Amino acid sequence: MITPKTETEVAEILRAATAPLQIQGNGTKASMLRTVQAAETLSTNALQGVSLYAPKELVMSAKAGTPLAEIETLLAANGQQMIAEPSHLFGEAQTIGGVIAANLSGPRRVNCGALRDHVLGVRAVNGSGEVLNFGGRVLKNVTGLDVSKLLTGSFGTLAVLTEISFKVLPASEATGTLVLSVADAPSAIAAMSAALGSPFSVSGAAYLPSERSVYLRIEDFTASVKYRCEKLGLQLGAAAILDTETSKRLWRDLRDVKILAAEEALWRLSVPPSSAPQILRALEPLGLSAQLDWGGGLIWLAGPADAKTHAQICAAAQAAGGVWWLMRAPESLRAASDVLPPEAPALAALRRRVQQSFDPHGILNPLKLRVA
């Protein structure tokens, strides 16, 4: 494994590279998407440290190999947090570079936007070994901001991230969670839609079909949380209101999809919320475990890692106007199946042109996302 300690070393390695490289941080997402066929692995986990933290300006910059847990601990000590609540689905060892490269947003996305929406700038090295600097450390430095968002979620296929600057948010003084008992998925979607459309600034809306329960989160000052929970609870007929500590534990588990952790394969579906009941009905014969988030716009499904199950999940998602990802599965299934939905020809052509401009020799995580 190649572990450069500086951005300059990353650039030198990529300029000299003549064969494909697997790009990773700590390798926590090795079971996600396709396995890269490469003779060498370049890890950014030695690029560590918070290079800038301005609590009053709500901005932080960190080297790509800095552990996410270290960043969250520092923010918590200053009464702050990451806005998009990145998932710890792949464990506690993940780095900020890996989190940004995967763009895995948590429950707060439904209220505050995706992880990429809060990236201010990145430093990276492209496939030719050129050091790139896009965006900046404050929002007014907008040059290159769109490219920063492009690299967020690119899984190391365009460039090797070396440093990321992002906005942070003051942590809430209190958190309350309304628990609603519902009869079925349509009732759950209706309740979550009503809550998200209310004036009470709901920051999380999830549904566990196995428990027939909807969970609605409200975060703010203590008095405000109490008032809003009581008002919304009366409006929706809440069965219970959870306190701050219980709420935090619950939403950590929902963020990390803990209820599905023991299953062999995990799928992530992004769908119109109104289509979620249709998908669950279509897949009911498979006996899958499920968790809905983002008001029903995100469906997590877990079950056996076989080609037939995978094909049925993909077909149900596409029939409902959604898209799917195979998030976790044994190598045998990931190697034999698509891990992302097919692209429209025009979109595929655009992606190839973008990829060619960043990585003309095709050495960065080749075939990580698609067979061709």
Protein backbone atom coordinates (compact mmCIF):
# COMPACT_ATOMS: atom_id res chain seq x y z
CA MET A 1 0.00 0.00 0.00
CA ILE A 2 1.25 3.48 -0.91
CA THR A 3 0.69 6.03 1.87
CA PRO A 4 1.87 9.51 0.88
CA LYS A 5 2.29 11.93 3.77
CA THR A 6 1.89 15.16 1.79
CA GLU A 7 -0.06 16.49 -1.15
CA THR A 8 3.22 16.88 -3.04
CA GLU A 9 3.92 13.17 -2.61
CA VAL A 10 0.44 12.34 -3.93
CA ALA A 11 1.15 14.42 -7.03
CA GLU A 12 4.53 12.76 -7.59
CA ILE A 13 3.02 9.28 -7.28
CA LEU A 14 0.23 10.02 -9.77
CA ARG A 15 2.60 11.64 -12.27
CA ALA A 16 4.75 8.50 -12.20
CA ALA A 17 1.85 6.02 -12.26
CA THR A 18 1.62 3.78 -15.32
CA ALA A 19 -1.05 1.36 -14.05
CA PRO A 20 -4.45 1.70 -12.34
CA LEU A 21 -4.52 2.58 -8.63
CA GLN A 22 -7.16 1.86 -6.02
CA ILE A 23 -7.81 5.11 -4.15
CA GLN A 24 -9.02 4.89 -0.55
CA GLY A 25 -8.81 6.41 2.92
CA ASN A 26 -8.98 3.75 5.62
CA GLY A 27 -10.71 1.26 3.33
CA THR A 28 -13.93 1.15 5.37
CA LYS A 29 -16.08 1.14 2.22
CA ALA A 30 -14.35 -1.83 0.57
CA SER A 31 -17.65 -3.76 0.43
CA MET A 32 -19.41 -0.87 -1.34
CA LEU A 33 -19.88 -0.65 -5.11
CA ARG A 34 -17.38 -2.50 -7.32
CA THR A 35 -13.95 -3.79 -6.33
CA VAL A 36 -11.18 -1.94 -8.18
CA GLN A 37 -8.82 -4.22 -10.07
CA ALA A 38 -5.46 -2.57 -9.39
CA ALA A 39 -1.98 -3.75 -8.53
CA GLU A 40 -1.46 -0.97 -5.97
CA THR A 41 -3.58 0.90 -3.44
CA LEU A 42 -3.00 4.58 -2.68
CA SER A 43 -4.29 5.44 0.79
CA THR A 44 -4.76 9.01 2.01
CA ASN A 45 -4.92 8.00 5.67
CA ALA A 46 -1.51 9.59 6.39
CA LEU A 47 -2.79 13.01 5.27
CA GLN A 48 -4.15 13.98 8.68
CA GLY A 49 -4.95 17.07 10.68
CA VAL A 50 -7.41 19.93 10.92
CA SER A 51 -5.73 22.75 9.00
CA LEU A 52 -8.29 25.44 9.83
CA TYR A 53 -11.10 25.73 12.33
CA ALA A 54 -12.90 29.03 12.82
CA PRO A 55 -15.85 28.37 15.15
CA LYS A 56 -17.17 31.92 14.85
CA GLU A 57 -17.13 31.66 11.06
CA LEU A 58 -18.69 28.16 11.13
CA VAL A 59 -16.01 26.74 8.83
CA MET A 60 -13.44 23.95 9.04
CA SER A 61 -10.72 22.62 6.73
CA ALA A 62 -9.21 19.17 7.23
CA LYS A 63 -6.77 16.91 5.42
CA ALA A 64 -8.46 14.00 3.65
CA GLY A 65 -7.13 11.28 5.97
CA THR A 66 -8.38 12.93 9.16
CA PRO A 67 -10.74 10.55 10.99
CA LEU A 68 -14.36 11.69 10.93
CA ALA A 69 -14.62 10.79 14.63
CA GLU A 70 -11.79 13.22 15.43
CA ILE A 71 -13.55 16.02 13.56
CA GLU A 72 -16.88 15.33 15.26
CA THR A 73 -15.20 15.28 18.68
CA LEU A 74 -13.54 18.65 18.05
CA LEU A 75 -16.80 20.16 16.83
CA ALA A 76 -18.75 18.79 19.80
CA ALA A 77 -16.23 20.31 22.21
CA ASN A 78 -17.10 23.69 20.68
CA GLY A 79 -20.85 23.13 20.64
CA GLN A 80 -20.96 22.51 16.89
CA GLN A 81 -21.67 19.69 14.45
CA MET A 82 -21.48 18.71 10.78
CA ILE A 83 -24.61 19.94 9.05
CA ALA A 84 -25.53 16.92 6.91
CA GLU A 85 -24.96 14.41 9.72
CA PRO A 86 -22.75 12.00 7.68
CA SER A 87 -23.56 8.34 8.16
CA HIS A 88 -21.28 5.98 10.10
CA LEU A 89 -22.75 3.08 8.14
CA PHE A 90 -19.27 1.72 7.41
CA GLY A 91 -17.87 2.03 10.93
CA GLU A 92 -15.99 4.50 13.08
CA ALA A 93 -12.65 4.36 11.23
CA GLN A 94 -13.78 6.31 8.17
CA THR A 95 -11.97 9.48 7.14
CA ILE A 96 -13.37 12.85 6.13
CA GLY A 97 -12.02 12.28 2.61
CA GLY A 98 -13.91 9.00 2.31
CA VAL A 99 -17.08 10.57 3.65
CA ILE A 100 -16.90 13.43 1.14
CA ALA A 101 -15.95 11.09 -1.72
CA ALA A 102 -19.07 9.01 -0.99
CA ASN A 103 -21.44 11.93 -0.20
CA LEU A 104 -23.30 9.84 2.37
CA SER A 105 -25.70 12.22 4.11
CA GLY A 106 -27.67 11.37 7.23
CA PRO A 107 -31.26 12.06 8.36
CA ARG A 108 -30.80 15.84 8.54
CA ARG A 109 -30.47 15.96 4.75
CA VAL A 110 -34.25 16.26 4.49
CA ASN A 111 -34.05 19.61 6.28
CA CYS A 112 -30.54 20.97 5.62
CA GLY A 113 -29.45 19.54 2.27
CA ALA A 114 -26.86 16.97 1.22
CA LEU A 115 -23.25 16.77 2.33
CA ARG A 116 -22.08 18.28 -0.98
CA ASP A 117 -24.23 21.37 -0.35
CA HIS A 118 -21.96 22.31 2.56
CA VAL A 119 -18.58 21.74 0.91
CA LEU A 120 -16.91 25.13 0.40
CA GLY A 121 -13.79 23.96 -1.38
CA VAL A 122 -11.39 21.10 -2.00
CA ARG A 123 -7.76 20.53 -2.80
CA ALA A 124 -7.13 17.48 -4.95
CA VAL A 125 -4.70 15.85 -7.37
CA ASN A 126 -5.98 14.69 -10.76
CA GLY A 127 -4.92 11.61 -12.70
CA SER A 128 -2.11 13.53 -14.40
CA GLY A 129 -0.57 14.48 -11.06
CA GLU A 130 -1.70 18.12 -11.19
CA VAL A 131 -2.64 19.79 -7.90
CA LEU A 132 -6.08 21.40 -8.14
CA ASN A 133 -7.69 23.93 -5.82
CA PHE A 134 -11.42 24.61 -6.15
CA GLY A 135 -13.67 26.85 -4.07
CA GLY A 136 -12.27 28.27 -0.86
CA ARG A 137 -12.62 28.48 2.88
CA VAL A 138 -15.43 31.03 2.90
CA LEU A 139 -18.63 31.08 0.86
CA LYS A 140 -17.77 34.30 -1.01
CA ASN A 141 -14.83 32.51 -2.68
CA VAL A 142 -17.15 30.94 -5.21
CA THR A 143 -14.64 30.20 -8.00
CA GLY A 144 -14.58 26.45 -8.45
CA LEU A 145 -17.42 25.81 -6.01
CA ASP A 146 -19.34 23.73 -8.57
CA VAL A 147 -16.28 21.55 -9.18
CA SER A 148 -15.99 20.96 -5.44
CA LYS A 149 -19.55 19.66 -5.50
CA LEU A 150 -18.74 17.51 -8.55
CA LEU A 151 -15.86 15.83 -6.71
CA THR A 152 -18.11 15.20 -3.70
CA GLY A 153 -19.61 11.79 -4.38
CA SER A 154 -17.19 10.86 -7.18
CA PHE A 155 -15.62 7.98 -5.19
CA GLY A 156 -12.07 8.88 -6.14
CA THR A 157 -12.70 8.34 -9.85
CA LEU A 158 -11.88 11.93 -10.87
CA ALA A 159 -9.18 13.05 -8.45
CA VAL A 160 -7.57 12.20 -5.12
CA LEU A 161 -8.94 14.53 -2.45
CA THR A 162 -6.21 15.93 -0.19
CA GLU A 163 -8.05 18.63 1.79
CA ILE A 164 -11.69 19.61 2.23
CA SER A 165 -13.23 22.84 3.54
CA PHE A 166 -16.83 22.73 4.74
CA LYS A 167 -19.46 24.61 6.69
CA VAL A 168 -20.49 23.50 10.19
CA LEU A 169 -23.52 24.23 12.35
CA PRO A 170 -24.09 25.07 16.03
CA ALA A 171 -25.30 21.99 17.88
CA SER A 172 -28.85 22.17 19.18
CA GLU A 173 -29.42 22.68 22.88
CA ALA A 174 -32.21 20.08 22.90
CA THR A 175 -33.68 17.38 20.68
CA GLY A 176 -37.16 15.90 20.82
CA THR A 177 -38.63 13.02 18.85
CA LEU A 178 -42.31 12.37 18.22
CA VAL A 179 -43.21 8.69 17.95
CA LEU A 180 -46.31 7.92 15.88
CA SER A 181 -47.98 4.53 15.55
CA VAL A 182 -49.16 3.95 11.97
CA ALA A 183 -51.12 1.21 10.24
CA ASP A 184 -49.08 0.95 7.06
CA ALA A 185 -46.63 2.63 4.69
CA PRO A 186 -49.17 5.03 3.09
CA SER A 187 -50.13 6.26 6.57
CA ALA A 188 -46.45 6.71 7.42
CA ILE A 189 -45.76 8.72 4.27
CA ALA A 190 -48.79 10.91 4.93
CA ALA A 191 -47.67 11.62 8.51
CA MET A 192 -44.09 12.42 7.49
CA SER A 193 -45.25 14.66 4.63
CA ALA A 194 -47.55 16.56 6.97
CA ALA A 195 -44.75 17.02 9.50
CA LEU A 196 -42.21 18.18 6.93
CA GLY A 197 -44.75 20.59 5.46
CA SER A 198 -45.57 22.06 8.87
CA PRO A 199 -43.99 25.26 10.27
CA PHE A 200 -42.19 23.29 13.01
CA SER A 201 -38.85 22.70 11.18
CA VAL A 202 -38.69 18.92 11.46
CA SER A 203 -35.04 17.83 10.98
CA GLY A 204 -35.62 14.10 10.66
CA ALA A 205 -38.51 11.95 9.41
CA ALA A 206 -38.08 8.17 9.43
CA TYR A 207 -40.28 5.08 9.35
CA LEU A 208 -39.55 1.54 10.52
CA PRO A 209 -42.07 -0.85 8.90
CA SER A 210 -41.16 -3.65 11.32
CA GLU A 211 -42.28 -1.47 14.24
CA ARG A 212 -45.05 0.37 12.39
CA SER A 213 -43.60 3.53 13.87
CA VAL A 214 -42.79 6.97 12.46
CA TYR A 215 -40.12 9.10 14.12
CA LEU A 216 -40.07 12.88 13.73
CA ARG A 217 -37.17 14.93 15.10
CA ILE A 218 -37.17 18.56 16.22
CA GLU A 219 -33.93 20.33 17.26
CA ASP A 220 -33.48 23.80 18.80
CA PHE A 221 -33.45 25.54 22.17
CA THR A 222 -35.13 23.62 24.99
CA ALA A 223 -38.25 25.80 25.23
CA SER A 224 -38.72 25.83 21.46
CA VAL A 225 -38.37 22.05 21.17
CA LYS A 226 -40.89 21.51 23.96
CA TYR A 227 -43.42 23.87 22.38
CA ARG A 228 -43.05 22.52 18.85
CA CYS A 229 -43.16 18.87 19.93
CA GLU A 230 -46.35 19.47 21.90
CA LYS A 231 -48.05 21.35 19.06
CA LEU A 232 -47.04 18.91 16.32
CA GLY A 233 -47.77 15.96 18.58
CA LEU A 234 -51.33 17.15 19.10
CA GLN A 235 -51.76 17.75 15.38
CA LEU A 236 -50.52 14.27 14.37
CA GLY A 237 -51.60 12.23 17.40
CA ALA A 238 -48.15 11.28 18.69
CA ALA A 239 -47.98 8.23 20.95
CA ALA A 240 -44.88 9.48 22.76
CA ILE A 241 -42.26 12.24 22.84
CA LEU A 242 -38.66 11.15 23.47
CA ASP A 243 -36.22 13.29 25.47
CA THR A 244 -32.88 14.61 24.22
CA GLU A 245 -30.61 11.70 25.18
CA THR A 246 -33.04 9.04 23.99
CA SER A 247 -33.56 10.97 20.76
CA LYS A 248 -29.82 11.25 20.10
CA ARG A 249 -29.33 7.50 20.54
CA LEU A 250 -32.29 6.74 18.28
CA TRP A 251 -31.15 9.04 15.47
CA ARG A 252 -27.59 7.72 15.62
CA ASP A 253 -29.02 4.25 15.03
CA LEU A 254 -31.25 5.52 12.21
CA ARG A 255 -28.34 7.43 10.67
CA ASP A 256 -26.19 4.29 10.67
CA VAL A 257 -29.06 1.94 9.66
CA LYS A 258 -28.29 -0.22 12.71
CA ILE A 259 -31.51 -2.21 12.41
CA LEU A 260 -30.22 -3.69 9.12
CA ALA A 261 -26.59 -4.19 10.18
CA ALA A 262 -26.73 -7.99 10.43
CA GLU A 263 -28.09 -8.55 6.92
CA GLU A 264 -25.83 -9.86 4.15
CA ALA A 265 -26.67 -7.28 1.48
CA LEU A 266 -27.85 -3.68 1.69
CA TRP A 267 -29.53 -1.54 -0.98
CA ARG A 268 -30.17 2.21 -0.98
CA LEU A 269 -33.09 3.54 -3.02
CA SER A 270 -33.76 7.22 -3.72
CA VAL A 271 -37.40 7.59 -4.73
CA PRO A 272 -40.30 10.05 -4.81
CA PRO A 273 -41.78 9.66 -1.29
CA SER A 274 -45.22 8.94 -2.75
CA SER A 275 -43.73 5.90 -4.54
CA ALA A 276 -42.34 4.29 -1.38
CA PRO A 277 -45.50 2.29 -0.51
CA GLN A 278 -45.65 0.94 -4.08
CA ILE A 279 -42.05 -0.31 -3.82
CA LEU A 280 -42.59 -1.93 -0.42
CA ARG A 281 -45.72 -3.71 -1.72
CA ALA A 282 -43.92 -4.97 -4.82
CA LEU A 283 -41.06 -6.39 -2.77
CA GLU A 284 -43.14 -7.77 0.12
CA PRO A 285 -42.87 -11.41 -1.10
CA LEU A 286 -39.08 -11.23 -0.69
CA GLY A 287 -39.34 -10.74 3.07
CA LEU A 288 -36.76 -7.94 3.12
CA SER A 289 -36.00 -5.73 6.11
CA ALA A 290 -36.56 -2.02 5.52
CA GLN A 291 -35.99 1.45 6.91
CA LEU A 292 -37.32 4.67 5.38
CA ASP A 293 -35.73 8.09 5.89
CA TRP A 294 -35.98 11.60 4.43
CA GLY A 295 -39.76 11.50 4.68
CA GLY A 296 -39.88 8.37 2.54
CA GLY A 297 -37.49 9.62 -0.14
CA LEU A 298 -34.76 7.23 1.01
CA ILE A 299 -35.41 3.50 1.38
CA TRP A 300 -32.87 1.13 2.90
CA LEU A 301 -33.49 -2.54 2.09
CA ALA A 302 -31.56 -5.53 3.40
CA GLY A 303 -31.71 -9.24 2.68
CA PRO A 304 -29.96 -12.15 1.00
CA ALA A 305 -27.15 -11.38 -1.43
CA ASP A 306 -28.40 -13.20 -4.51
CA ALA A 307 -28.83 -12.08 -8.11
CA LYS A 308 -32.60 -12.68 -8.19
CA THR A 309 -33.26 -10.48 -5.16
CA HIS A 310 -30.98 -7.79 -6.57
CA ALA A 311 -32.78 -7.82 -9.93
CA GLN A 312 -36.22 -7.54 -8.32
CA ILE A 313 -35.16 -4.61 -6.14
CA CYS A 314 -33.67 -2.78 -9.12
CA ALA A 315 -36.79 -3.36 -11.21
CA ALA A 316 -39.12 -2.14 -8.44
CA ALA A 317 -37.09 1.04 -7.91
CA GLN A 318 -36.97 1.87 -11.60
CA ALA A 319 -40.69 1.15 -12.09
CA ALA A 320 -41.47 3.67 -9.36
CA GLY A 321 -39.25 6.37 -10.86
CA GLY A 322 -36.41 5.90 -8.40
CA VAL A 323 -32.74 4.99 -8.50
CA TRP A 324 -30.86 2.33 -6.54
CA TRP A 325 -27.37 1.58 -5.22
CA LEU A 326 -26.00 -1.76 -4.08
CA MET A 327 -24.40 -0.44 -0.91
CA ARG A 328 -23.03 -3.58 0.71
CA ALA A 329 -22.69 -7.11 -0.63
CA PRO A 330 -20.18 -9.94 -1.00
CA GLU A 331 -17.68 -9.59 -3.82
CA SER A 332 -19.41 -12.35 -5.80
CA LEU A 333 -22.63 -10.32 -6.21
CA ARG A 334 -20.88 -6.99 -6.81
CA ALA A 335 -18.67 -8.50 -9.51
CA ALA A 336 -21.56 -10.13 -11.37
CA SER A 337 -24.13 -7.31 -11.13
CA ASP A 338 -24.56 -3.61 -11.77
CA VAL A 339 -24.10 -1.64 -8.55
CA LEU A 340 -25.76 1.50 -9.97
CA PRO A 341 -28.66 1.92 -12.41
CA PRO A 342 -27.95 2.23 -16.13
CA GLU A 343 -27.19 5.70 -17.47
CA ALA A 344 -28.99 7.46 -20.29
CA PRO A 345 -26.67 7.64 -23.34
CA ALA A 346 -26.31 11.43 -23.15
CA LEU A 347 -25.46 11.29 -19.44
CA ALA A 348 -22.96 8.49 -20.00
CA ALA A 349 -21.25 10.49 -22.74
CA LEU A 350 -21.04 13.54 -20.47
CA ARG A 351 -19.59 11.47 -17.63
CA ARG A 352 -16.94 10.02 -19.93
CA ARG A 353 -15.90 13.50 -21.08
CA VAL A 354 -15.65 14.75 -17.50
CA GLN A 355 -13.68 11.67 -16.48
CA GLN A 356 -11.34 12.06 -19.46
CA SER A 357 -10.60 15.66 -18.50
CA PHE A 358 -9.71 14.77 -14.90
CA ASP A 359 -8.11 11.36 -15.45
CA PRO A 360 -7.01 11.01 -19.09
CA HIS A 361 -5.08 7.79 -18.47
CA GLY A 362 -7.86 6.06 -16.50
CA ILE A 363 -5.74 5.24 -13.44
CA LEU A 364 -8.03 6.44 -10.61
CA ASN A 365 -10.38 3.76 -9.26
CA PRO A 366 -11.20 2.41 -12.74
CA LEU A 367 -14.54 0.60 -12.99
CA LYS A 368 -15.38 1.44 -9.36
CA LEU A 369 -18.84 2.61 -10.37
CA ARG A 370 -19.56 0.83 -13.64
CA VAL A 371 -18.35 -2.07 -15.75
CA ALA A 372 -17.56 0.29 -18.65
